[in-house]
Amino acid sequence: MTTASKVVLIGRSSIVREGLRCLLSEQDRQIIFSGFGLEDLQRADVAESDFLLLLIEDKRSEWDGDALAAIHRRHPAARIAILANEFDFSAMLEAFRVGVEGYLTKDVPWERLIGYLDLITLGEKIFPSQLAQKLIDRSSAYDHVPNAATIDSANISARELEILRRLIAGLPNKVISRQLSISEATVKVHVKAVLRKLRVTNRTQAAIWAATQGLQGMGMDGEWAAPAVATSRIGSQPSVAAPAYQAGARAEPHLAHA
């Protein structure tokens, strides 16, 4: 499995950057560049393209969408993640609009951060767990959608429910197949059946539907997990994850939880 072995750290606080550098280095990650702002990276002669760019937010940070787009043009294979001070729904939406693959908050446990960074590198989109509550708070907006399925009407089987709980947590097919001791092909069949029964078109929509129905996710460790389910400026302010190992397509989201 490819991991986030090459990392670029951008943030105003040299202390925070150095702390992350030490922690990531202990996990065999190579910090190929560390700087104050995106302009420093643009000026630097970074030859590598397949790196993970981790933007560390503080109260003064605002990530310019044009600058992020320029980074994507110069380093098309790079993945971008934001480590935000706190959850900001509008900022998160804007971040994903301009090409960010992951949006996490600083209260994410360290050991989970490492896993999320690896998922982002593989093409997943990672969202903060706070998004789940945001979706639940807004769930009334979906109550009267004519075509929306309900738990009772969807006729979800026990196996499909197991799959759906793992979609809420943003687990990829490979992990789901391992947890349930079935093949990835079988997982894909179940996922397609779930999408059809819920009358949605992708895993993200299925995860959102499940979160609004009050279902609880099942995480990487097989334990109950809170779901983790995005303007050219991203204000300073993880996650339903719709597996997005579709690297080239800048995949669909996953929810990360703190």
Foldseek 3Di string as FASTA:
>chain_A
DDFQQEEEEEAQDPVVVVVVCVVVVVVNHHDPYYYHHLVVVVPDPDPAQLHEYEYEFDQPDKAFLVSLLVNCVVRVNYAYEYAFQADDPVLAALCVVSHHQFYHYPVPDPVVVRVVRGLRSLLWREAELVVLVVLLVVLVVVVPDPLFAAPVQLPQDPVLLLLLLALQQQDDLVLSCVVVVHDSVVSVVSLVSQCVSRVHDASLVSNSSCSNNVDWHQYSVRHTDRGAPHHSMRHHHHGNAGRGSVRVVSGGGHGHYD
